[in-house]
């Protein structure tokens, strides 16, 4: 497994290229391979554990709940990744938060 950082032309922008996702990573995509990945299963559990709070929250509070879940995934060593030809690329914070919101069915 290889992870590397690649500097882009934009200042302070670093792209993480990952050859093989780890179990705590969240994979963005559709299909059985994505939904059955251990990290995605763990994400759905995190969302379900916070669903009561999430459903009763205002729009702004929902954003805080989803951001908290993203931080928790990162704290556990996970990344939110999308496929890019032969590599996996870490997505930005907004895309990661949207992935969490998809699991909660709104945001």
C-alpha atoms as a PDB file:
ATOM      1  CA  UNK A   1       0.000   0.000   0.000  1.00  0.00           C
ATOM      2  CA  UNK A   2       1.405   3.358  -0.977  1.00  0.00           C
ATOM      3  CA  UNK A   3       0.216   6.832  -0.051  1.00  0.00           C
ATOM      4  CA  UNK A   4       1.885   9.912  -1.382  1.00  0.00           C
ATOM      5  CA  UNK A   5       1.304  13.639  -1.355  1.00  0.00           C
ATOM      6  CA  UNK A   6       1.536  15.564  -4.599  1.00  0.00           C
ATOM      7  CA  UNK A   7       1.811  19.340  -4.669  1.00  0.00           C
ATOM      8  CA  UNK A   8      -0.496  21.037  -7.153  1.00  0.00           C
ATOM      9  CA  UNK A   9      -0.025  24.366  -8.882  1.00  0.00           C
ATOM     10  CA  UNK A  10      -2.356  26.037  -6.388  1.00  0.00           C
ATOM     11  CA  UNK A  11      -0.741  27.222  -3.155  1.00  0.00           C
ATOM     12  CA  UNK A  12      -1.504  25.096  -0.075  1.00  0.00           C
ATOM     13  CA  UNK A  13      -3.260  22.473  -2.224  1.00  0.00           C
ATOM     14  CA  UNK A  14      -1.968  18.967  -1.701  1.00  0.00           C
ATOM     15  CA  UNK A  15      -3.500  15.953  -3.401  1.00  0.00           C
ATOM     16  CA  UNK A  16      -3.227  12.607  -1.650  1.00  0.00           C
ATOM     17  CA  UNK A  17      -2.835   9.803  -4.179  1.00  0.00           C
ATOM     18  CA  UNK A  18      -3.510   6.400  -2.657  1.00  0.00           C
ATOM     19  CA  UNK A  19      -2.813   3.106  -4.357  1.00  0.00           C
ATOM     20  CA  UNK A  20      -4.873   0.928  -2.010  1.00  0.00           C
ATOM     21  CA  UNK A  21      -7.568   2.217   0.378  1.00  0.00           C
ATOM     22  CA  UNK A  22      -7.370   1.168   4.021  1.00  0.00           C
ATOM     23  CA  UNK A  23     -10.254  -0.349   5.965  1.00  0.00           C
ATOM     24  CA  UNK A  24     -11.150   2.989   7.656  1.00  0.00           C
ATOM     25  CA  UNK A  25     -11.291   4.887   4.360  1.00  0.00           C
ATOM     26  CA  UNK A  26     -14.655   5.900   2.897  1.00  0.00           C
ATOM     27  CA  UNK A  27     -14.980   5.163  -0.814  1.00  0.00           C
ATOM     28  CA  UNK A  28     -17.131   7.451  -2.954  1.00  0.00           C
ATOM     29  CA  UNK A  29     -18.926   5.624  -5.716  1.00  0.00           C
ATOM     30  CA  UNK A  30     -21.798   3.290  -6.468  1.00  0.00           C
ATOM     31  CA  UNK A  31     -22.177  -0.434  -6.415  1.00  0.00           C
ATOM     32  CA  UNK A  32     -21.552  -3.416  -4.201  1.00  0.00           C
ATOM     33  CA  UNK A  33     -17.798  -2.876  -4.014  1.00  0.00           C
ATOM     34  CA  UNK A  34     -18.349   0.530  -2.477  1.00  0.00           C
ATOM     35  CA  UNK A  35     -21.258  -0.272  -0.185  1.00  0.00           C
ATOM     36  CA  UNK A  36     -19.590  -3.419   1.150  1.00  0.00           C
ATOM     37  CA  UNK A  37     -16.249  -1.705   1.936  1.00  0.00           C
ATOM     38  CA  UNK A  38     -15.583  -1.827   5.697  1.00  0.00           C
ATOM     39  CA  UNK A  39     -15.114   1.955   5.984  1.00  0.00           C
ATOM     40  CA  UNK A  40     -18.425   2.629   4.223  1.00  0.00           C
ATOM     41  CA  UNK A  41     -20.201   0.172   6.530  1.00  0.00           C
ATOM     42  CA  UNK A  42     -18.664   1.956   9.530  1.00  0.00           C
ATOM     43  CA  UNK A  43     -19.799   5.314   8.114  1.00  0.00           C
ATOM     44  CA  UNK A  44     -23.392   4.114   7.812  1.00  0.00           C
ATOM     45  CA  UNK A  45     -23.249   2.945  11.444  1.00  0.00           C
ATOM     46  CA  UNK A  46     -21.902   6.349  12.580  1.00  0.00           C
ATOM     47  CA  UNK A  47     -24.711   8.086  10.712  1.00  0.00           C
ATOM     48  CA  UNK A  48     -27.336   5.747  12.195  1.00  0.00           C
ATOM     49  CA  UNK A  49     -25.912   6.336  15.692  1.00  0.00           C
ATOM     50  CA  UNK A  50     -26.422  10.083  15.175  1.00  0.00           C
ATOM     51  CA  UNK A  51     -29.666   9.893  13.201  1.00  0.00           C
ATOM     52  CA  UNK A  52     -32.010  11.033  15.991  1.00  0.00           C
ATOM     53  CA  UNK A  53     -29.904  14.149  16.599  1.00  0.00           C
ATOM     54  CA  UNK A  54     -29.532  14.714  12.863  1.00  0.00           C
ATOM     55  CA  UNK A  55     -33.230  14.411  12.029  1.00  0.00           C
ATOM     56  CA  UNK A  56     -34.300  16.877  14.723  1.00  0.00           C
ATOM     57  CA  UNK A  57     -31.561  19.385  13.833  1.00  0.00           C
ATOM     58  CA  UNK A  58     -31.887  22.589  11.856  1.00  0.00           C
ATOM     59  CA  UNK A  59     -30.079  22.896   8.524  1.00  0.00           C
ATOM     60  CA  UNK A  60     -27.069  24.547  10.192  1.00  0.00           C
ATOM     61  CA  UNK A  61     -26.987  21.967  12.987  1.00  0.00           C
ATOM     62  CA  UNK A  62     -27.094  19.170  10.389  1.00  0.00           C
ATOM     63  CA  UNK A  63     -23.944  20.627   8.855  1.00  0.00           C
ATOM     64  CA  UNK A  64     -22.238  20.543  12.277  1.00  0.00           C
ATOM     65  CA  UNK A  65     -23.304  16.936  12.840  1.00  0.00           C
ATOM     66  CA  UNK A  66     -22.031  15.870   9.412  1.00  0.00           C
ATOM     67  CA  UNK A  67     -18.757  17.775   9.891  1.00  0.00           C
ATOM     68  CA  UNK A  68     -18.327  16.051  13.258  1.00  0.00           C
ATOM     69  CA  UNK A  69     -18.695  12.658  11.592  1.00  0.00           C
ATOM     70  CA  UNK A  70     -16.091  13.625   8.968  1.00  0.00           C
ATOM     71  CA  UNK A  71     -13.701  14.665  11.769  1.00  0.00           C
ATOM     72  CA  UNK A  72     -14.319  11.363  13.565  1.00  0.00           C
ATOM     73  CA  UNK A  73     -13.518   9.382  10.404  1.00  0.00           C
ATOM     74  CA  UNK A  74     -10.282  11.379  10.047  1.00  0.00           C
ATOM     75  CA  UNK A  75      -9.437  10.877  13.731  1.00  0.00           C
ATOM     76  CA  UNK A  76      -9.796   7.118  13.201  1.00  0.00           C
ATOM     77  CA  UNK A  77      -7.284   7.326  10.344  1.00  0.00           C
ATOM     78  CA  UNK A  78      -9.817   7.248   7.514  1.00  0.00           C
ATOM     79  CA  UNK A  79      -9.925   9.334   4.365  1.00  0.00           C
ATOM     80  CA  UNK A  80     -12.775  10.072   1.962  1.00  0.00           C
ATOM     81  CA  UNK A  81     -11.577   8.796  -1.414  1.00  0.00           C
ATOM     82  CA  UNK A  82     -12.720   8.764  -5.030  1.00  0.00           C
ATOM     83  CA  UNK A  83     -11.230   6.784  -7.905  1.00  0.00           C
ATOM     84  CA  UNK A  84      -9.123   8.648 -10.423  1.00  0.00           C
ATOM     85  CA  UNK A  85      -7.932   6.198 -13.095  1.00  0.00           C
ATOM     86  CA  UNK A  86      -5.272   4.091 -11.309  1.00  0.00           C
ATOM     87  CA  UNK A  87      -5.208   6.063  -8.040  1.00  0.00           C
ATOM     88  CA  UNK A  88      -7.564   6.951  -5.234  1.00  0.00           C
ATOM     89  CA  UNK A  89      -7.699  10.691  -4.521  1.00  0.00           C
ATOM     90  CA  UNK A  90      -8.715  12.301  -1.235  1.00  0.00           C
ATOM     91  CA  UNK A  91     -11.732  14.582  -1.715  1.00  0.00           C
ATOM     92  CA  UNK A  92     -12.216  18.015  -0.161  1.00  0.00           C
ATOM     93  CA  UNK A  93     -14.116  18.619   3.082  1.00  0.00           C
ATOM     94  CA  UNK A  94     -17.356  19.696   1.424  1.00  0.00           C
ATOM     95  CA  UNK A  95     -17.476  16.556  -0.716  1.00  0.00           C
ATOM     96  CA  UNK A  96     -16.786  14.418   2.374  1.00  0.00           C
ATOM     97  CA  UNK A  97     -19.564  16.173   4.292  1.00  0.00           C
ATOM     98  CA  UNK A  98     -21.940  15.621   1.370  1.00  0.00           C
ATOM     99  CA  UNK A  99     -21.110  11.909   1.457  1.00  0.00           C
ATOM    100  CA  UNK A 100     -22.114  11.834   5.129  1.00  0.00           C
ATOM    101  CA  UNK A 101     -25.308  13.739   4.286  1.00  0.00           C
ATOM    102  CA  UNK A 102     -26.163  11.161   1.602  1.00  0.00           C
ATOM    103  CA  UNK A 103     -26.065   8.484   4.273  1.00  0.00           C
ATOM    104  CA  UNK A 104     -28.466  10.557   6.391  1.00  0.00           C
ATOM    105  CA  UNK A 105     -30.625  11.237   3.300  1.00  0.00           C
ATOM    106  CA  UNK A 106     -30.520  15.034   3.591  1.00  0.00           C
ATOM    107  CA  UNK A 107     -28.406  17.950   4.710  1.00  0.00           C
END
